[in-house]
N, C-alpha and C. Protein backbone atom coordinates (compact mmCIF):
# COMPACT_ATOMS: atom_id res chain seq x y z
N MET A 1 14.06 -7.86 13.81
CA MET A 1 14.08 -6.82 12.79
C MET A 1 13.07 -5.73 13.13
N PHE A 2 13.50 -4.48 13.06
CA PHE A 2 12.63 -3.34 13.34
C PHE A 2 11.86 -3.01 12.04
N VAL A 3 10.53 -3.10 12.11
CA VAL A 3 9.71 -2.94 10.91
C VAL A 3 8.73 -1.78 11.09
N VAL A 4 8.73 -0.89 10.10
CA VAL A 4 7.81 0.25 10.09
C VAL A 4 6.76 0.01 9.01
N GLY A 5 5.49 0.05 9.39
CA GLY A 5 4.40 -0.05 8.42
C GLY A 5 4.07 1.34 7.91
N LEU A 6 4.24 1.54 6.61
CA LEU A 6 3.98 2.85 6.00
C LEU A 6 2.63 2.80 5.31
N THR A 7 1.75 3.72 5.65
CA THR A 7 0.42 3.74 5.04
C THR A 7 -0.01 5.18 4.77
N GLY A 8 -1.18 5.33 4.19
CA GLY A 8 -1.71 6.65 3.85
C GLY A 8 -2.79 6.47 2.81
N GLY A 9 -3.61 7.48 2.63
CA GLY A 9 -4.68 7.42 1.64
C GLY A 9 -4.12 7.42 0.23
N ILE A 10 -4.97 7.10 -0.73
CA ILE A 10 -4.58 7.11 -2.13
C ILE A 10 -4.11 8.52 -2.52
N GLY A 11 -3.00 8.59 -3.26
CA GLY A 11 -2.50 9.88 -3.72
C GLY A 11 -1.72 10.69 -2.70
N CYS A 12 -1.47 10.11 -1.52
CA CYS A 12 -0.74 10.86 -0.47
C CYS A 12 0.78 10.84 -0.66
N GLY A 13 1.27 9.90 -1.47
CA GLY A 13 2.72 9.86 -1.73
C GLY A 13 3.45 8.71 -1.07
N LYS A 14 2.77 7.58 -0.88
CA LYS A 14 3.40 6.42 -0.24
C LYS A 14 4.58 5.92 -1.07
N SER A 15 4.39 5.80 -2.38
CA SER A 15 5.46 5.29 -3.25
C SER A 15 6.64 6.25 -3.30
N ALA A 16 6.35 7.55 -3.38
CA ALA A 16 7.43 8.56 -3.38
C ALA A 16 8.23 8.47 -2.09
N ALA A 17 7.55 8.29 -0.97
CA ALA A 17 8.23 8.14 0.32
C ALA A 17 9.08 6.87 0.32
N GLY A 18 8.51 5.78 -0.20
CA GLY A 18 9.25 4.52 -0.28
C GLY A 18 10.53 4.66 -1.10
N ASP A 19 10.44 5.39 -2.21
CA ASP A 19 11.62 5.61 -3.06
C ASP A 19 12.73 6.33 -2.30
N ILE A 20 12.33 7.29 -1.46
CA ILE A 20 13.34 8.06 -0.69
C ILE A 20 13.99 7.17 0.37
N PHE A 21 13.20 6.34 1.04
CA PHE A 21 13.79 5.38 2.00
C PHE A 21 14.76 4.44 1.29
N THR A 22 14.41 4.00 0.07
CA THR A 22 15.29 3.13 -0.71
C THR A 22 16.62 3.84 -0.99
N GLU A 23 16.54 5.12 -1.39
CA GLU A 23 17.75 5.92 -1.65
C GLU A 23 18.64 5.99 -0.41
N LEU A 24 18.01 5.95 0.77
CA LEU A 24 18.76 6.03 2.03
C LEU A 24 19.32 4.67 2.45
N GLY A 25 19.13 3.66 1.60
CA GLY A 25 19.71 2.34 1.87
C GLY A 25 18.84 1.42 2.70
N ILE A 26 17.55 1.76 2.80
CA ILE A 26 16.62 0.95 3.59
C ILE A 26 15.82 0.03 2.68
N ASP A 27 15.64 -1.22 3.10
CA ASP A 27 14.83 -2.16 2.33
C ASP A 27 13.36 -1.76 2.43
N VAL A 28 12.73 -1.61 1.28
CA VAL A 28 11.32 -1.23 1.22
C VAL A 28 10.55 -2.36 0.55
N ILE A 29 9.52 -2.84 1.23
CA ILE A 29 8.67 -3.91 0.70
C ILE A 29 7.31 -3.27 0.40
N ASP A 30 6.89 -3.35 -0.85
CA ASP A 30 5.65 -2.71 -1.28
C ASP A 30 4.59 -3.79 -1.53
N THR A 31 3.54 -3.80 -0.70
CA THR A 31 2.52 -4.85 -0.83
C THR A 31 1.74 -4.73 -2.15
N ASP A 32 1.61 -3.51 -2.69
CA ASP A 32 0.95 -3.35 -3.99
C ASP A 32 1.75 -4.04 -5.09
N TYR A 33 3.08 -3.91 -5.01
CA TYR A 33 3.95 -4.55 -6.00
C TYR A 33 3.83 -6.07 -5.90
N ILE A 34 3.78 -6.58 -4.66
CA ILE A 34 3.63 -8.04 -4.47
C ILE A 34 2.28 -8.49 -5.04
N ALA A 35 1.23 -7.71 -4.78
CA ALA A 35 -0.11 -8.05 -5.32
C ALA A 35 -0.08 -8.10 -6.85
N HIS A 36 0.66 -7.17 -7.47
CA HIS A 36 0.79 -7.16 -8.93
C HIS A 36 1.49 -8.44 -9.41
N GLN A 37 2.54 -8.84 -8.69
CA GLN A 37 3.25 -10.07 -9.08
C GLN A 37 2.35 -11.30 -8.97
N LEU A 38 1.55 -11.34 -7.91
CA LEU A 38 0.65 -12.48 -7.69
C LEU A 38 -0.44 -12.57 -8.75
N THR A 39 -0.78 -11.40 -9.35
CA THR A 39 -1.92 -11.35 -10.27
C THR A 39 -1.51 -11.10 -11.73
N GLN A 40 -0.21 -11.15 -11.99
CA GLN A 40 0.23 -11.04 -13.39
C GLN A 40 0.03 -12.39 -14.08
N ALA A 41 0.31 -12.44 -15.37
CA ALA A 41 0.13 -13.69 -16.11
C ALA A 41 0.87 -14.83 -15.40
N ASP A 42 0.16 -15.93 -15.13
CA ASP A 42 0.71 -17.09 -14.42
C ASP A 42 1.13 -16.79 -12.98
N GLY A 43 0.61 -15.70 -12.41
CA GLY A 43 0.88 -15.39 -11.01
C GLY A 43 0.22 -16.41 -10.09
N ALA A 44 0.74 -16.51 -8.88
CA ALA A 44 0.26 -17.56 -7.95
C ALA A 44 -1.23 -17.44 -7.60
N ALA A 45 -1.78 -16.22 -7.70
CA ALA A 45 -3.19 -16.03 -7.31
C ALA A 45 -4.17 -16.26 -8.45
N ILE A 46 -3.68 -16.37 -9.68
CA ILE A 46 -4.57 -16.42 -10.86
C ILE A 46 -5.53 -17.62 -10.84
N PRO A 47 -5.07 -18.85 -10.56
CA PRO A 47 -6.03 -19.97 -10.55
C PRO A 47 -7.19 -19.76 -9.57
N ALA A 48 -6.88 -19.25 -8.38
CA ALA A 48 -7.94 -19.03 -7.38
C ALA A 48 -8.88 -17.90 -7.80
N ILE A 49 -8.34 -16.86 -8.44
CA ILE A 49 -9.19 -15.75 -8.93
C ILE A 49 -10.12 -16.27 -10.02
N ARG A 50 -9.58 -17.10 -10.90
CA ARG A 50 -10.40 -17.70 -11.98
C ARG A 50 -11.54 -18.53 -11.37
N ASP A 51 -11.21 -19.34 -10.35
CA ASP A 51 -12.22 -20.18 -9.70
C ASP A 51 -13.30 -19.34 -9.02
N LEU A 52 -12.88 -18.29 -8.32
CA LEU A 52 -13.80 -17.48 -7.52
C LEU A 52 -14.66 -16.54 -8.36
N PHE A 53 -14.04 -15.91 -9.36
CA PHE A 53 -14.72 -14.83 -10.08
C PHE A 53 -15.06 -15.16 -11.53
N GLY A 54 -14.39 -16.16 -12.09
CA GLY A 54 -14.71 -16.55 -13.47
C GLY A 54 -13.74 -15.98 -14.49
N GLU A 55 -13.87 -16.49 -15.69
CA GLU A 55 -12.96 -16.17 -16.81
C GLU A 55 -13.02 -14.69 -17.20
N ALA A 56 -14.14 -14.04 -16.94
CA ALA A 56 -14.33 -12.62 -17.33
C ALA A 56 -13.31 -11.70 -16.65
N PHE A 57 -12.72 -12.17 -15.56
CA PHE A 57 -11.78 -11.33 -14.80
C PHE A 57 -10.31 -11.64 -15.12
N ILE A 58 -10.11 -12.50 -16.13
CA ILE A 58 -8.75 -12.86 -16.56
C ILE A 58 -8.56 -12.37 -18.00
N THR A 59 -7.44 -11.70 -18.24
CA THR A 59 -7.16 -11.21 -19.61
C THR A 59 -6.73 -12.37 -20.51
N ARG A 60 -6.61 -12.09 -21.80
CA ARG A 60 -6.22 -13.12 -22.77
C ARG A 60 -4.86 -13.73 -22.45
N ASP A 61 -3.96 -12.89 -21.91
CA ASP A 61 -2.61 -13.42 -21.62
C ASP A 61 -2.51 -14.06 -20.23
N GLY A 62 -3.65 -14.20 -19.54
CA GLY A 62 -3.67 -14.95 -18.29
C GLY A 62 -3.40 -14.14 -17.04
N ALA A 63 -3.50 -12.81 -17.13
CA ALA A 63 -3.33 -11.95 -15.95
C ALA A 63 -4.70 -11.51 -15.43
N LEU A 64 -4.72 -10.92 -14.25
CA LEU A 64 -5.95 -10.34 -13.72
C LEU A 64 -6.35 -9.14 -14.58
N ASP A 65 -7.62 -9.07 -14.95
CA ASP A 65 -8.14 -7.89 -15.64
C ASP A 65 -8.44 -6.83 -14.57
N ARG A 66 -7.46 -5.96 -14.34
CA ARG A 66 -7.53 -5.01 -13.22
C ARG A 66 -8.71 -4.05 -13.32
N GLU A 67 -8.98 -3.59 -14.52
CA GLU A 67 -10.05 -2.62 -14.72
C GLU A 67 -11.41 -3.23 -14.37
N THR A 68 -11.66 -4.44 -14.88
CA THR A 68 -12.93 -5.14 -14.61
C THR A 68 -13.06 -5.44 -13.12
N MET A 69 -11.95 -5.89 -12.50
CA MET A 69 -11.98 -6.21 -11.08
C MET A 69 -12.18 -4.96 -10.23
N ARG A 70 -11.51 -3.86 -10.62
CA ARG A 70 -11.66 -2.62 -9.85
C ARG A 70 -13.12 -2.16 -9.81
N LYS A 71 -13.76 -2.23 -10.97
CA LYS A 71 -15.18 -1.82 -11.05
C LYS A 71 -16.04 -2.68 -10.13
N LEU A 72 -15.76 -3.97 -10.12
CA LEU A 72 -16.55 -4.88 -9.29
C LEU A 72 -16.34 -4.61 -7.80
N VAL A 73 -15.07 -4.57 -7.37
CA VAL A 73 -14.82 -4.50 -5.91
C VAL A 73 -15.21 -3.15 -5.30
N PHE A 74 -15.23 -2.09 -6.12
CA PHE A 74 -15.65 -0.81 -5.54
C PHE A 74 -17.15 -0.58 -5.64
N SER A 75 -17.86 -1.51 -6.30
CA SER A 75 -19.32 -1.40 -6.34
C SER A 75 -19.97 -2.49 -5.50
N ASP A 76 -19.17 -3.48 -5.08
CA ASP A 76 -19.73 -4.62 -4.35
C ASP A 76 -18.80 -5.05 -3.22
N ASN A 77 -19.23 -4.76 -2.02
CA ASN A 77 -18.42 -5.02 -0.82
C ASN A 77 -18.07 -6.49 -0.64
N ALA A 78 -19.05 -7.36 -0.91
CA ALA A 78 -18.83 -8.81 -0.71
C ALA A 78 -17.72 -9.30 -1.64
N SER A 79 -17.71 -8.80 -2.87
CA SER A 79 -16.65 -9.20 -3.82
C SER A 79 -15.29 -8.68 -3.38
N ARG A 80 -15.28 -7.45 -2.87
CA ARG A 80 -14.02 -6.88 -2.38
C ARG A 80 -13.45 -7.73 -1.24
N GLN A 81 -14.33 -8.12 -0.32
CA GLN A 81 -13.88 -8.94 0.81
C GLN A 81 -13.38 -10.32 0.35
N LYS A 82 -14.06 -10.85 -0.66
CA LYS A 82 -13.68 -12.15 -1.23
C LYS A 82 -12.26 -12.07 -1.82
N LEU A 83 -12.01 -11.00 -2.57
CA LEU A 83 -10.70 -10.82 -3.20
C LEU A 83 -9.62 -10.61 -2.13
N GLU A 84 -9.94 -9.78 -1.12
CA GLU A 84 -8.97 -9.53 -0.05
C GLU A 84 -8.65 -10.81 0.73
N LYS A 85 -9.68 -11.60 0.99
CA LYS A 85 -9.50 -12.87 1.73
C LYS A 85 -8.57 -13.82 0.97
N LEU A 86 -8.62 -13.72 -0.35
CA LEU A 86 -7.77 -14.56 -1.19
C LEU A 86 -6.33 -14.01 -1.23
N LEU A 87 -6.20 -12.70 -1.47
CA LEU A 87 -4.87 -12.12 -1.70
C LEU A 87 -4.07 -11.85 -0.42
N HIS A 88 -4.75 -11.38 0.63
CA HIS A 88 -4.01 -10.94 1.82
C HIS A 88 -3.10 -12.00 2.44
N PRO A 89 -3.56 -13.25 2.60
CA PRO A 89 -2.64 -14.26 3.18
C PRO A 89 -1.41 -14.50 2.30
N LEU A 90 -1.60 -14.48 0.97
CA LEU A 90 -0.47 -14.69 0.05
C LEU A 90 0.53 -13.53 0.16
N ILE A 91 -0.01 -12.32 0.24
CA ILE A 91 0.86 -11.13 0.36
C ILE A 91 1.60 -11.15 1.69
N LEU A 92 0.88 -11.48 2.75
CA LEU A 92 1.47 -11.51 4.10
C LEU A 92 2.61 -12.52 4.17
N THR A 93 2.43 -13.69 3.58
CA THR A 93 3.48 -14.72 3.56
C THR A 93 4.74 -14.19 2.87
N GLU A 94 4.53 -13.51 1.72
CA GLU A 94 5.66 -12.97 0.96
C GLU A 94 6.36 -11.84 1.73
N VAL A 95 5.58 -10.98 2.39
CA VAL A 95 6.16 -9.89 3.19
C VAL A 95 7.02 -10.47 4.31
N SER A 96 6.50 -11.47 5.02
CA SER A 96 7.25 -12.10 6.12
C SER A 96 8.56 -12.67 5.60
N HIS A 97 8.50 -13.32 4.45
CA HIS A 97 9.69 -13.91 3.83
C HIS A 97 10.72 -12.82 3.51
N ARG A 98 10.26 -11.71 2.93
CA ARG A 98 11.19 -10.64 2.54
C ARG A 98 11.78 -9.93 3.76
N ILE A 99 11.02 -9.82 4.84
CA ILE A 99 11.55 -9.22 6.07
C ILE A 99 12.71 -10.08 6.59
N GLN A 100 12.51 -11.39 6.57
CA GLN A 100 13.56 -12.31 7.04
C GLN A 100 14.83 -12.23 6.19
N GLN A 101 14.67 -11.88 4.91
CA GLN A 101 15.81 -11.78 4.00
C GLN A 101 16.53 -10.42 4.10
N SER A 102 15.97 -9.49 4.84
CA SER A 102 16.47 -8.11 4.84
C SER A 102 17.73 -7.95 5.70
N TYR A 103 18.62 -7.07 5.21
CA TYR A 103 19.85 -6.78 5.96
C TYR A 103 19.99 -5.30 6.31
N SER A 104 18.98 -4.48 5.97
CA SER A 104 19.12 -3.05 6.29
C SER A 104 18.82 -2.81 7.78
N SER A 105 19.14 -1.61 8.26
CA SER A 105 19.00 -1.30 9.69
C SER A 105 17.58 -1.47 10.20
N TYR A 106 16.64 -1.17 9.34
CA TYR A 106 15.22 -1.41 9.62
C TYR A 106 14.54 -1.63 8.28
N VAL A 107 13.27 -2.00 8.30
CA VAL A 107 12.54 -2.29 7.06
C VAL A 107 11.28 -1.43 7.01
N ILE A 108 10.98 -0.91 5.83
CA ILE A 108 9.72 -0.21 5.59
C ILE A 108 8.82 -1.14 4.79
N VAL A 109 7.59 -1.36 5.27
CA VAL A 109 6.61 -2.13 4.49
C VAL A 109 5.46 -1.18 4.13
N ILE A 110 5.28 -0.96 2.83
CA ILE A 110 4.19 -0.08 2.37
C ILE A 110 2.91 -0.90 2.29
N ILE A 111 1.93 -0.54 3.12
CA ILE A 111 0.68 -1.30 3.21
C ILE A 111 -0.50 -0.33 3.15
N PRO A 112 -1.08 -0.11 1.96
CA PRO A 112 -2.19 0.83 1.86
C PRO A 112 -3.35 0.51 2.82
N LEU A 113 -3.63 -0.78 3.03
CA LEU A 113 -4.76 -1.17 3.89
C LEU A 113 -4.30 -1.62 5.28
N LEU A 114 -3.19 -1.07 5.73
CA LEU A 114 -2.63 -1.46 7.03
C LEU A 114 -3.65 -1.38 8.16
N LEU A 115 -4.37 -0.27 8.24
CA LEU A 115 -5.29 -0.07 9.35
C LEU A 115 -6.63 -0.76 9.13
N GLU A 116 -6.93 -1.09 7.87
CA GLU A 116 -8.19 -1.76 7.57
C GLU A 116 -8.15 -3.23 7.93
N THR A 117 -6.97 -3.88 7.77
CA THR A 117 -6.92 -5.34 7.92
C THR A 117 -6.48 -5.83 9.29
N GLY A 118 -5.52 -5.16 9.91
CA GLY A 118 -4.97 -5.66 11.17
C GLY A 118 -4.07 -6.88 10.98
N ASP A 119 -3.86 -7.29 9.71
CA ASP A 119 -3.08 -8.50 9.43
C ASP A 119 -1.60 -8.36 9.80
N TYR A 120 -1.12 -7.12 9.87
CA TYR A 120 0.32 -6.90 10.02
C TYR A 120 0.73 -6.49 11.44
N ASP A 121 -0.26 -6.46 12.35
CA ASP A 121 0.01 -5.98 13.71
C ASP A 121 1.17 -6.72 14.38
N HIS A 122 1.29 -8.01 14.10
CA HIS A 122 2.33 -8.83 14.75
C HIS A 122 3.71 -8.60 14.13
N LEU A 123 3.74 -7.96 12.96
CA LEU A 123 5.01 -7.79 12.24
C LEU A 123 5.65 -6.42 12.45
N ILE A 124 4.83 -5.40 12.68
CA ILE A 124 5.37 -4.04 12.67
C ILE A 124 5.49 -3.43 14.07
N GLN A 125 6.51 -2.60 14.22
CA GLN A 125 6.74 -1.93 15.50
C GLN A 125 6.18 -0.49 15.52
N ARG A 126 6.14 0.14 14.34
CA ARG A 126 5.64 1.52 14.28
C ARG A 126 4.78 1.72 13.04
N ILE A 127 3.85 2.65 13.14
CA ILE A 127 3.01 3.02 11.99
C ILE A 127 3.39 4.42 11.55
N LEU A 128 3.80 4.53 10.28
CA LEU A 128 4.13 5.82 9.67
C LEU A 128 3.03 6.16 8.66
N VAL A 129 2.37 7.30 8.87
CA VAL A 129 1.32 7.74 7.95
C VAL A 129 1.84 8.89 7.10
N ILE A 130 1.71 8.73 5.78
CA ILE A 130 1.98 9.82 4.85
C ILE A 130 0.62 10.48 4.61
N ASP A 131 0.52 11.76 4.93
CA ASP A 131 -0.76 12.45 4.89
C ASP A 131 -0.69 13.64 3.94
N CYS A 132 -1.83 13.97 3.33
CA CYS A 132 -1.93 15.23 2.59
C CYS A 132 -3.39 15.67 2.56
N ASP A 133 -3.63 16.89 2.13
CA ASP A 133 -5.00 17.39 2.03
C ASP A 133 -5.81 16.54 1.07
N GLU A 134 -7.08 16.37 1.37
CA GLU A 134 -7.93 15.50 0.55
C GLU A 134 -8.06 16.00 -0.89
N GLN A 135 -8.07 17.31 -1.07
CA GLN A 135 -8.16 17.85 -2.43
C GLN A 135 -6.91 17.47 -3.25
N LEU A 136 -5.76 17.47 -2.57
CA LEU A 136 -4.51 17.07 -3.22
C LEU A 136 -4.55 15.59 -3.59
N GLN A 137 -5.11 14.76 -2.71
CA GLN A 137 -5.25 13.33 -3.02
C GLN A 137 -5.99 13.15 -4.34
N LEU A 138 -7.07 13.89 -4.47
CA LEU A 138 -7.92 13.83 -5.66
C LEU A 138 -7.14 14.24 -6.91
N VAL A 139 -6.49 15.39 -6.83
CA VAL A 139 -5.75 15.94 -7.98
C VAL A 139 -4.60 15.01 -8.39
N ARG A 140 -3.82 14.55 -7.40
CA ARG A 140 -2.67 13.69 -7.71
C ARG A 140 -3.10 12.36 -8.32
N THR A 141 -4.15 11.75 -7.75
CA THR A 141 -4.58 10.44 -8.23
C THR A 141 -5.13 10.54 -9.65
N MET A 142 -5.90 11.58 -9.91
CA MET A 142 -6.45 11.77 -11.26
C MET A 142 -5.32 12.03 -12.27
N ALA A 143 -4.29 12.73 -11.84
CA ALA A 143 -3.17 13.07 -12.74
C ALA A 143 -2.36 11.83 -13.13
N ARG A 144 -2.24 10.85 -12.20
CA ARG A 144 -1.38 9.70 -12.50
C ARG A 144 -2.15 8.50 -13.04
N SER A 145 -3.49 8.53 -12.94
CA SER A 145 -4.28 7.38 -13.40
C SER A 145 -5.37 7.88 -14.33
N GLN A 146 -6.11 6.97 -14.88
CA GLN A 146 -7.22 7.35 -15.78
C GLN A 146 -8.54 7.42 -15.03
N LEU A 147 -8.47 7.59 -13.71
CA LEU A 147 -9.69 7.56 -12.91
C LEU A 147 -10.37 8.93 -12.88
N SER A 148 -11.69 8.91 -12.83
CA SER A 148 -12.45 10.16 -12.70
C SER A 148 -12.47 10.59 -11.24
N ALA A 149 -12.91 11.82 -10.99
CA ALA A 149 -13.02 12.33 -9.62
C ALA A 149 -13.97 11.43 -8.81
N ALA A 150 -15.05 10.98 -9.43
CA ALA A 150 -16.01 10.11 -8.74
C ALA A 150 -15.37 8.78 -8.35
N ASP A 151 -14.56 8.21 -9.27
CA ASP A 151 -13.86 6.95 -8.98
C ASP A 151 -12.90 7.11 -7.79
N VAL A 152 -12.15 8.21 -7.80
CA VAL A 152 -11.17 8.45 -6.73
C VAL A 152 -11.89 8.62 -5.40
N LYS A 153 -13.00 9.35 -5.42
CA LYS A 153 -13.77 9.56 -4.17
C LYS A 153 -14.32 8.24 -3.64
N THR A 154 -14.70 7.35 -4.55
CA THR A 154 -15.19 6.01 -4.14
C THR A 154 -14.08 5.23 -3.44
N ILE A 155 -12.87 5.29 -4.01
CA ILE A 155 -11.72 4.60 -3.40
C ILE A 155 -11.41 5.21 -2.03
N MET A 156 -11.41 6.54 -1.96
CA MET A 156 -11.14 7.22 -0.69
C MET A 156 -12.16 6.84 0.37
N ALA A 157 -13.41 6.71 -0.05
CA ALA A 157 -14.49 6.36 0.90
C ALA A 157 -14.34 4.93 1.42
N ALA A 158 -13.71 4.06 0.61
CA ALA A 158 -13.52 2.65 1.02
C ALA A 158 -12.34 2.50 1.98
N GLN A 159 -11.48 3.54 2.06
CA GLN A 159 -10.32 3.48 2.96
C GLN A 159 -10.69 4.04 4.34
N VAL A 160 -9.89 3.69 5.32
CA VAL A 160 -10.06 4.25 6.67
C VAL A 160 -10.03 5.78 6.56
N GLY A 161 -10.88 6.45 7.33
CA GLY A 161 -10.94 7.92 7.30
C GLY A 161 -9.62 8.56 7.72
N ARG A 162 -9.38 9.73 7.20
CA ARG A 162 -8.11 10.43 7.45
C ARG A 162 -7.87 10.65 8.94
N GLN A 163 -8.87 11.08 9.67
CA GLN A 163 -8.69 11.36 11.11
C GLN A 163 -8.34 10.10 11.89
N CYS A 164 -8.99 8.99 11.53
CA CYS A 164 -8.70 7.70 12.18
C CYS A 164 -7.26 7.29 11.90
N ARG A 165 -6.82 7.50 10.66
CA ARG A 165 -5.45 7.14 10.26
C ARG A 165 -4.44 7.94 11.09
N LEU A 166 -4.69 9.25 11.19
CA LEU A 166 -3.76 10.13 11.92
C LEU A 166 -3.72 9.77 13.41
N LYS A 167 -4.86 9.37 13.95
CA LYS A 167 -4.94 9.02 15.37
C LYS A 167 -4.12 7.77 15.69
N LYS A 168 -4.07 6.85 14.73
CA LYS A 168 -3.37 5.58 14.96
C LYS A 168 -1.89 5.64 14.62
N ALA A 169 -1.45 6.75 14.04
CA ALA A 169 -0.05 6.86 13.60
C ALA A 169 0.90 7.06 14.77
N ASP A 170 2.07 6.43 14.67
CA ASP A 170 3.18 6.75 15.58
C ASP A 170 3.96 7.94 15.03
N ASP A 171 4.06 7.98 13.71
CA ASP A 171 4.80 9.06 13.03
C ASP A 171 3.96 9.55 11.86
N ILE A 172 4.00 10.86 11.61
CA ILE A 172 3.22 11.44 10.51
C ILE A 172 4.13 12.33 9.67
N ILE A 173 4.06 12.14 8.36
CA ILE A 173 4.73 13.04 7.43
C ILE A 173 3.65 13.71 6.58
N VAL A 174 3.67 15.04 6.56
CA VAL A 174 2.68 15.79 5.78
C VAL A 174 3.27 16.10 4.41
N ASN A 175 2.63 15.55 3.39
CA ASN A 175 3.16 15.68 2.02
C ASN A 175 2.28 16.61 1.19
N ASN A 176 2.20 17.88 1.62
CA ASN A 176 1.40 18.86 0.88
C ASN A 176 2.25 19.70 -0.08
N GLU A 177 3.57 19.49 -0.04
CA GLU A 177 4.45 20.33 -0.87
C GLU A 177 5.21 19.48 -1.88
N ASP A 178 6.43 19.89 -2.22
CA ASP A 178 7.16 19.17 -3.27
C ASP A 178 7.98 18.01 -2.69
N VAL A 179 8.65 17.29 -3.60
CA VAL A 179 9.44 16.11 -3.20
C VAL A 179 10.59 16.50 -2.27
N GLY A 180 11.17 17.67 -2.48
CA GLY A 180 12.26 18.15 -1.62
C GLY A 180 11.83 18.25 -0.17
N HIS A 181 10.63 18.78 0.03
CA HIS A 181 10.07 18.93 1.38
C HIS A 181 9.79 17.56 1.99
N LEU A 182 9.29 16.65 1.16
CA LEU A 182 9.03 15.27 1.61
C LEU A 182 10.34 14.61 2.04
N LYS A 183 11.37 14.80 1.23
CA LYS A 183 12.68 14.19 1.49
C LYS A 183 13.28 14.69 2.80
N THR A 184 13.18 15.98 3.05
CA THR A 184 13.71 16.57 4.29
C THR A 184 13.10 15.89 5.51
N GLN A 185 11.77 15.72 5.47
CA GLN A 185 11.07 15.09 6.60
C GLN A 185 11.48 13.62 6.76
N ILE A 186 11.64 12.93 5.63
CA ILE A 186 11.99 11.51 5.70
C ILE A 186 13.41 11.32 6.22
N ILE A 187 14.33 12.17 5.82
CA ILE A 187 15.71 12.07 6.31
C ILE A 187 15.73 12.24 7.83
N ARG A 188 14.95 13.20 8.33
CA ARG A 188 14.86 13.43 9.78
C ARG A 188 14.33 12.16 10.48
N LEU A 189 13.29 11.58 9.90
CA LEU A 189 12.68 10.38 10.48
C LEU A 189 13.64 9.18 10.38
N HIS A 190 14.36 9.11 9.28
CA HIS A 190 15.35 8.04 9.06
C HIS A 190 16.37 8.03 10.20
N HIS A 191 16.88 9.20 10.58
CA HIS A 191 17.86 9.28 11.68
C HIS A 191 17.23 8.86 13.00
N TYR A 192 15.96 9.20 13.16
CA TYR A 192 15.23 8.80 14.38
C TYR A 192 15.10 7.28 14.43
N TYR A 193 14.74 6.66 13.31
CA TYR A 193 14.60 5.20 13.27
C TYR A 193 15.95 4.51 13.49
N LEU A 194 17.00 5.09 12.92
CA LEU A 194 18.35 4.52 13.15
C LEU A 194 18.69 4.55 14.64
N ALA A 195 18.33 5.66 15.30
CA ALA A 195 18.60 5.78 16.74
C ALA A 195 17.79 4.74 17.52
N LEU A 196 16.56 4.49 17.09
CA LEU A 196 15.71 3.50 17.77
C LEU A 196 16.26 2.07 17.63
N THR A 197 16.95 1.83 16.51
CA THR A 197 17.44 0.47 16.25
C THR A 197 18.90 0.28 16.68
N ALA A 198 19.53 1.36 17.14
CA ALA A 198 20.96 1.30 17.50
C ALA A 198 21.16 0.40 18.71
């Protein structure tokens, strides 16, 4: 199976790009969505999170308290690594399973921390980076979430730098304009990927 790892900084448009690939009939696996499933009420990761971090990080209905955890992991590196060490193997197992179940011409796996972890190197054939100006990242992320500019900058600082991301990319889509412009670029890339898998 030909697998493309799709990554990019926060607010660059990874999900919007994934939606367009889905419209084109391509199976898209979103690691953030899998992480949400693992950490929802009675999710597979909840018992281990409770053991590692304590009851304060679990909501009344038995899900991960995302807000409390976000504050912790972006202020404390050791806690962030602890959480990643717990979640990443579970996510990777699920991604591998879903790739095996796929019937589309190729598969897109959206992995925000693709370049940070190296966990997916054995699974993917190409790296696609969705890129945009850093000011746009800030504006878009603040518009869709309740995060302050300082919070967004903290998240951006915890991710691989933009230049490093671009250097490691096999393919780059610049998402500084509207969805129509994004779609045009993705359709072009879609035909290229189809040719590679033919």
